[in-house]
Amino acid sequence: MEMDQADFEAAVSDALDSVPAELMAMLDNVVILVEEEPDGPEKELLGLYQGTALTDRGWEYGGVLPDTITIYRGPTLRMCATPEEVVEEVAVTVVHEIAHHFGIEEARLHQLGWG
């Protein structure tokens, strides 16, 4: 599947726009990035949350760099056959990674159908 960087970033932006405003307002100290490929051995990783989930932040949390949610273009395009599939997969990945920011674990996301 081919999709240029601008169209992929637009799909990520649209996915973020579809998240309810109440949830987006609760994101705290987090940036959302688009990268071509994941580092490390998991080359088919679609997204990654790195940071301290809101549920794990205590009184000592502060003065830290922002958490990151990264959406990976290459693996997403390799697994999708149409632009519509890319848009759908990006939306699922964005919700999945935001859920990690809120402290929702992988197993629970799979139970909810966001795995």
N, C-alpha and C. Protein backbone atom coordinates (compact mmCIF):
# COMPACT_ATOMS: atom_id res chain seq x y z
N MET A 1 0.85 -1.18 0.00
CA MET A 1 0.00 0.00 0.00
C MET A 1 0.89 1.24 0.00
N GLU A 2 0.61 2.16 -0.87
CA GLU A 2 1.35 3.42 -0.95
C GLU A 2 0.50 4.56 -0.40
N MET A 3 1.10 5.40 0.42
CA MET A 3 0.45 6.62 0.90
C MET A 3 1.56 7.57 1.30
N ASP A 4 1.50 8.78 0.79
CA ASP A 4 2.59 9.71 1.11
C ASP A 4 2.50 10.17 2.57
N GLN A 5 3.58 10.76 3.02
CA GLN A 5 3.70 11.17 4.42
C GLN A 5 2.59 12.13 4.82
N ALA A 6 2.28 13.09 3.95
CA ALA A 6 1.26 14.10 4.28
C ALA A 6 -0.11 13.45 4.46
N ASP A 7 -0.47 12.51 3.59
CA ASP A 7 -1.76 11.85 3.71
C ASP A 7 -1.82 10.97 4.96
N PHE A 8 -0.71 10.33 5.29
CA PHE A 8 -0.67 9.51 6.50
C PHE A 8 -0.81 10.39 7.73
N GLU A 9 -0.10 11.49 7.76
CA GLU A 9 -0.21 12.41 8.90
C GLU A 9 -1.62 12.98 9.01
N ALA A 10 -2.27 13.20 7.87
CA ALA A 10 -3.67 13.66 7.88
C ALA A 10 -4.58 12.60 8.50
N ALA A 11 -4.30 11.32 8.22
CA ALA A 11 -5.08 10.23 8.82
C ALA A 11 -4.90 10.21 10.33
N VAL A 12 -3.67 10.45 10.79
CA VAL A 12 -3.42 10.52 12.24
C VAL A 12 -4.16 11.70 12.84
N SER A 13 -4.09 12.84 12.18
CA SER A 13 -4.79 14.03 12.66
C SER A 13 -6.30 13.80 12.72
N ASP A 14 -6.85 13.17 11.70
CA ASP A 14 -8.29 12.87 11.69
C ASP A 14 -8.64 11.91 12.83
N ALA A 15 -7.79 10.93 13.07
CA ALA A 15 -8.03 9.99 14.17
C ALA A 15 -8.04 10.73 15.51
N LEU A 16 -7.11 11.65 15.68
CA LEU A 16 -7.07 12.44 16.92
C LEU A 16 -8.33 13.31 17.04
N ASP A 17 -8.78 13.86 15.93
CA ASP A 17 -10.00 14.69 15.94
C ASP A 17 -11.23 13.87 16.32
N SER A 18 -11.19 12.56 16.07
CA SER A 18 -12.35 11.72 16.37
C SER A 18 -12.41 11.27 17.84
N VAL A 19 -11.32 11.48 18.57
CA VAL A 19 -11.31 11.16 20.00
C VAL A 19 -12.14 12.22 20.71
N PRO A 20 -13.05 11.81 21.60
CA PRO A 20 -13.88 12.81 22.29
C PRO A 20 -13.04 13.89 22.97
N ALA A 21 -13.51 15.12 22.85
CA ALA A 21 -12.79 16.27 23.40
C ALA A 21 -12.52 16.13 24.89
N GLU A 22 -13.45 15.49 25.61
CA GLU A 22 -13.27 15.30 27.05
C GLU A 22 -12.03 14.45 27.35
N LEU A 23 -11.79 13.46 26.51
CA LEU A 23 -10.60 12.61 26.70
C LEU A 23 -9.32 13.35 26.28
N MET A 24 -9.40 14.05 25.16
CA MET A 24 -8.22 14.78 24.69
C MET A 24 -7.81 15.82 25.73
N ALA A 25 -8.78 16.42 26.40
CA ALA A 25 -8.47 17.42 27.42
C ALA A 25 -7.76 16.80 28.62
N MET A 26 -7.92 15.51 28.80
CA MET A 26 -7.30 14.83 29.94
C MET A 26 -5.88 14.36 29.64
N LEU A 27 -5.46 14.41 28.38
CA LEU A 27 -4.07 14.06 28.07
C LEU A 27 -3.17 15.05 28.79
N ASP A 28 -2.15 14.55 29.43
CA ASP A 28 -1.29 15.40 30.23
C ASP A 28 0.17 15.11 29.93
N ASN A 29 0.87 16.14 29.44
CA ASN A 29 2.30 16.03 29.18
C ASN A 29 2.61 14.89 28.22
N VAL A 30 1.95 14.92 27.06
CA VAL A 30 2.14 13.88 26.06
C VAL A 30 2.18 14.53 24.67
N VAL A 31 3.09 14.04 23.82
CA VAL A 31 3.16 14.47 22.43
C VAL A 31 2.88 13.28 21.54
N ILE A 32 2.35 13.57 20.37
CA ILE A 32 2.03 12.51 19.42
C ILE A 32 2.89 12.73 18.18
N LEU A 33 3.60 11.68 17.81
CA LEU A 33 4.56 11.74 16.71
C LEU A 33 4.20 10.72 15.63
N VAL A 34 4.65 10.99 14.41
CA VAL A 34 4.57 10.02 13.32
C VAL A 34 6.00 9.74 12.90
N GLU A 35 6.36 8.46 12.87
CA GLU A 35 7.69 8.06 12.40
C GLU A 35 7.53 6.98 11.35
N GLU A 36 8.56 6.80 10.56
CA GLU A 36 8.50 5.83 9.47
C GLU A 36 8.55 4.39 9.98
N GLU A 37 9.52 4.08 10.81
CA GLU A 37 9.72 2.71 11.27
C GLU A 37 10.05 2.69 12.76
N PRO A 38 9.65 1.63 13.46
CA PRO A 38 10.05 1.50 14.87
C PRO A 38 11.51 1.11 15.00
N ASP A 39 12.13 1.54 16.09
CA ASP A 39 13.48 1.09 16.42
C ASP A 39 13.36 -0.27 17.08
N GLY A 40 14.41 -1.03 17.02
CA GLY A 40 14.40 -2.30 17.74
C GLY A 40 13.85 -3.45 16.92
N PRO A 41 13.65 -4.58 17.58
CA PRO A 41 13.31 -5.81 16.88
C PRO A 41 11.86 -5.92 16.41
N GLU A 42 10.95 -5.14 16.96
CA GLU A 42 9.54 -5.26 16.60
C GLU A 42 9.23 -4.39 15.38
N LYS A 43 9.56 -4.89 14.22
CA LYS A 43 9.45 -4.11 12.98
C LYS A 43 8.02 -3.95 12.50
N GLU A 44 7.07 -4.69 13.06
CA GLU A 44 5.68 -4.57 12.64
C GLU A 44 4.83 -3.83 13.67
N LEU A 45 5.47 -3.14 14.58
CA LEU A 45 4.78 -2.37 15.60
C LEU A 45 4.09 -1.17 14.95
N LEU A 46 2.79 -1.01 15.20
CA LEU A 46 2.03 0.07 14.58
C LEU A 46 2.08 1.36 15.38
N GLY A 47 2.19 1.22 16.70
CA GLY A 47 2.23 2.38 17.57
C GLY A 47 2.92 2.05 18.87
N LEU A 48 3.33 3.08 19.59
CA LEU A 48 4.04 2.85 20.84
C LEU A 48 3.78 4.02 21.79
N TYR A 49 3.42 3.68 23.03
CA TYR A 49 3.31 4.67 24.09
C TYR A 49 4.54 4.52 24.97
N GLN A 50 5.24 5.61 25.21
CA GLN A 50 6.39 5.62 26.11
C GLN A 50 6.20 6.73 27.12
N GLY A 51 6.22 6.34 28.38
CA GLY A 51 6.07 7.34 29.42
C GLY A 51 5.50 6.74 30.68
N THR A 52 4.92 7.60 31.49
CA THR A 52 4.32 7.20 32.75
C THR A 52 2.82 7.42 32.64
N ALA A 53 2.06 6.32 32.67
CA ALA A 53 0.61 6.42 32.56
C ALA A 53 0.05 7.30 33.67
N LEU A 54 -1.06 7.94 33.40
CA LEU A 54 -1.68 8.81 34.40
C LEU A 54 -1.94 8.08 35.70
N THR A 55 -2.31 6.80 35.61
CA THR A 55 -2.61 6.02 36.81
C THR A 55 -1.38 5.70 37.64
N ASP A 56 -0.19 5.87 37.06
CA ASP A 56 1.05 5.58 37.77
C ASP A 56 1.77 6.83 38.27
N ARG A 57 1.20 7.98 38.01
CA ARG A 57 1.85 9.23 38.43
C ARG A 57 1.48 9.53 39.86
N GLY A 58 2.49 9.81 40.63
CA GLY A 58 2.27 10.15 42.03
C GLY A 58 2.70 11.58 42.31
N TRP A 59 2.81 11.88 43.56
CA TRP A 59 3.18 13.24 43.97
C TRP A 59 4.55 13.64 43.45
N GLU A 60 5.42 12.65 43.21
CA GLU A 60 6.78 12.96 42.77
C GLU A 60 6.89 13.20 41.27
N TYR A 61 5.78 13.00 40.54
CA TYR A 61 5.82 13.21 39.09
C TYR A 61 5.90 14.70 38.79
N GLY A 62 6.89 15.09 38.04
CA GLY A 62 7.02 16.50 37.65
C GLY A 62 8.38 16.76 37.06
N GLY A 63 8.46 17.78 36.26
CA GLY A 63 9.73 18.16 35.68
C GLY A 63 10.31 17.13 34.73
N VAL A 64 9.43 16.35 34.09
CA VAL A 64 9.89 15.30 33.19
C VAL A 64 9.55 15.67 31.75
N LEU A 65 10.28 15.08 30.83
CA LEU A 65 9.96 15.27 29.42
C LEU A 65 8.60 14.67 29.13
N PRO A 66 7.94 15.15 28.09
CA PRO A 66 6.61 14.60 27.77
C PRO A 66 6.66 13.12 27.42
N ASP A 67 5.57 12.43 27.75
CA ASP A 67 5.36 11.07 27.24
C ASP A 67 5.22 11.19 25.73
N THR A 68 5.45 10.08 25.03
CA THR A 68 5.28 10.10 23.58
C THR A 68 4.35 8.98 23.14
N ILE A 69 3.52 9.31 22.19
CA ILE A 69 2.74 8.33 21.44
C ILE A 69 3.26 8.43 20.02
N THR A 70 3.79 7.32 19.52
CA THR A 70 4.35 7.30 18.18
C THR A 70 3.52 6.37 17.32
N ILE A 71 3.13 6.86 16.14
CA ILE A 71 2.41 6.06 15.16
C ILE A 71 3.38 5.80 14.01
N TYR A 72 3.52 4.52 13.64
CA TYR A 72 4.51 4.13 12.64
C TYR A 72 3.86 3.93 11.27
N ARG A 73 4.34 4.69 10.32
CA ARG A 73 3.80 4.67 8.96
C ARG A 73 4.12 3.38 8.21
N GLY A 74 5.38 2.97 8.20
CA GLY A 74 5.80 1.81 7.41
C GLY A 74 5.03 0.54 7.73
N PRO A 75 5.01 0.10 8.99
CA PRO A 75 4.27 -1.12 9.33
C PRO A 75 2.78 -1.01 9.03
N THR A 76 2.20 0.16 9.24
CA THR A 76 0.77 0.32 8.97
C THR A 76 0.50 0.16 7.48
N LEU A 77 1.32 0.76 6.64
CA LEU A 77 1.11 0.64 5.20
C LEU A 77 1.35 -0.79 4.72
N ARG A 78 2.29 -1.49 5.33
CA ARG A 78 2.55 -2.87 4.91
C ARG A 78 1.40 -3.81 5.25
N MET A 79 0.65 -3.51 6.30
CA MET A 79 -0.43 -4.42 6.70
C MET A 79 -1.77 -4.09 6.05
N CYS A 80 -1.87 -2.94 5.40
CA CYS A 80 -3.14 -2.51 4.82
C CYS A 80 -3.09 -2.58 3.29
N ALA A 81 -4.27 -2.84 2.71
CA ALA A 81 -4.35 -2.98 1.26
C ALA A 81 -4.98 -1.76 0.58
N THR A 82 -5.72 -0.95 1.34
CA THR A 82 -6.41 0.19 0.75
C THR A 82 -6.24 1.42 1.66
N PRO A 83 -6.46 2.60 1.09
CA PRO A 83 -6.40 3.80 1.93
C PRO A 83 -7.43 3.76 3.07
N GLU A 84 -8.59 3.18 2.82
CA GLU A 84 -9.61 3.07 3.85
C GLU A 84 -9.14 2.19 5.01
N GLU A 85 -8.43 1.12 4.71
CA GLU A 85 -7.88 0.27 5.76
C GLU A 85 -6.83 1.02 6.57
N VAL A 86 -6.03 1.85 5.91
CA VAL A 86 -5.02 2.65 6.62
C VAL A 86 -5.71 3.58 7.60
N VAL A 87 -6.74 4.28 7.14
CA VAL A 87 -7.47 5.22 8.00
C VAL A 87 -8.05 4.49 9.20
N GLU A 88 -8.64 3.32 8.97
CA GLU A 88 -9.23 2.55 10.07
C GLU A 88 -8.16 2.06 11.05
N GLU A 89 -7.07 1.54 10.52
CA GLU A 89 -6.00 1.02 11.38
C GLU A 89 -5.34 2.14 12.18
N VAL A 90 -5.14 3.29 11.56
CA VAL A 90 -4.57 4.43 12.28
C VAL A 90 -5.49 4.83 13.42
N ALA A 91 -6.80 4.87 13.16
CA ALA A 91 -7.75 5.26 14.21
C ALA A 91 -7.69 4.29 15.38
N VAL A 92 -7.63 3.00 15.10
CA VAL A 92 -7.53 1.99 16.17
C VAL A 92 -6.22 2.16 16.93
N THR A 93 -5.13 2.38 16.22
CA THR A 93 -3.83 2.51 16.85
C THR A 93 -3.77 3.76 17.74
N VAL A 94 -4.32 4.86 17.27
CA VAL A 94 -4.33 6.09 18.06
C VAL A 94 -5.10 5.87 19.36
N VAL A 95 -6.29 5.28 19.27
CA VAL A 95 -7.09 5.02 20.48
C VAL A 95 -6.33 4.07 21.40
N HIS A 96 -5.73 3.04 20.85
CA HIS A 96 -4.98 2.05 21.62
C HIS A 96 -3.87 2.72 22.43
N GLU A 97 -3.09 3.58 21.78
CA GLU A 97 -1.96 4.21 22.47
C GLU A 97 -2.42 5.26 23.47
N ILE A 98 -3.48 5.99 23.16
CA ILE A 98 -4.02 6.94 24.13
C ILE A 98 -4.51 6.18 25.36
N ALA A 99 -5.12 5.02 25.15
CA ALA A 99 -5.59 4.21 26.28
C ALA A 99 -4.43 3.83 27.20
N HIS A 100 -3.27 3.53 26.63
CA HIS A 100 -2.10 3.24 27.48
C HIS A 100 -1.74 4.45 28.33
N HIS A 101 -1.87 5.64 27.79
CA HIS A 101 -1.59 6.86 28.56
C HIS A 101 -2.53 6.94 29.77
N PHE A 102 -3.74 6.45 29.61
CA PHE A 102 -4.71 6.44 30.70
C PHE A 102 -4.56 5.22 31.61
N GLY A 103 -3.57 4.38 31.34
CA GLY A 103 -3.29 3.25 32.22
C GLY A 103 -3.99 1.96 31.86
N ILE A 104 -4.61 1.89 30.71
CA ILE A 104 -5.29 0.67 30.30
C ILE A 104 -4.26 -0.29 29.71
N GLU A 105 -4.22 -1.50 30.26
CA GLU A 105 -3.22 -2.48 29.87
C GLU A 105 -3.59 -3.18 28.55
N GLU A 106 -2.60 -3.81 27.96
CA GLU A 106 -2.73 -4.50 26.68
C GLU A 106 -3.85 -5.54 26.69
N ALA A 107 -3.89 -6.38 27.70
CA ALA A 107 -4.89 -7.45 27.76
C ALA A 107 -6.31 -6.87 27.76
N ARG A 108 -6.52 -5.80 28.52
CA ARG A 108 -7.84 -5.18 28.59
C ARG A 108 -8.22 -4.56 27.25
N LEU A 109 -7.27 -3.95 26.57
CA LEU A 109 -7.54 -3.38 25.25
C LEU A 109 -7.97 -4.46 24.27
N HIS A 110 -7.34 -5.62 24.33
CA HIS A 110 -7.73 -6.73 23.45
C HIS A 110 -9.14 -7.19 23.80
N GLN A 111 -9.47 -7.26 25.07
CA GLN A 111 -10.82 -7.64 25.48
C GLN A 111 -11.86 -6.67 24.93
N LEU A 112 -11.51 -5.40 24.88
CA LEU A 112 -12.42 -4.36 24.42
C LEU A 112 -12.46 -4.23 22.90
N GLY A 113 -11.61 -4.98 22.20
CA GLY A 113 -11.58 -4.93 20.75
C GLY A 113 -10.68 -3.85 20.17
N TRP A 114 -9.80 -3.30 21.00
CA TRP A 114 -8.87 -2.27 20.54
C TRP A 114 -7.43 -2.81 20.51
N GLY A 115 -7.28 -4.11 20.39
CA GLY A 115 -5.96 -4.73 20.42
C GLY A 115 -5.27 -4.80 19.11
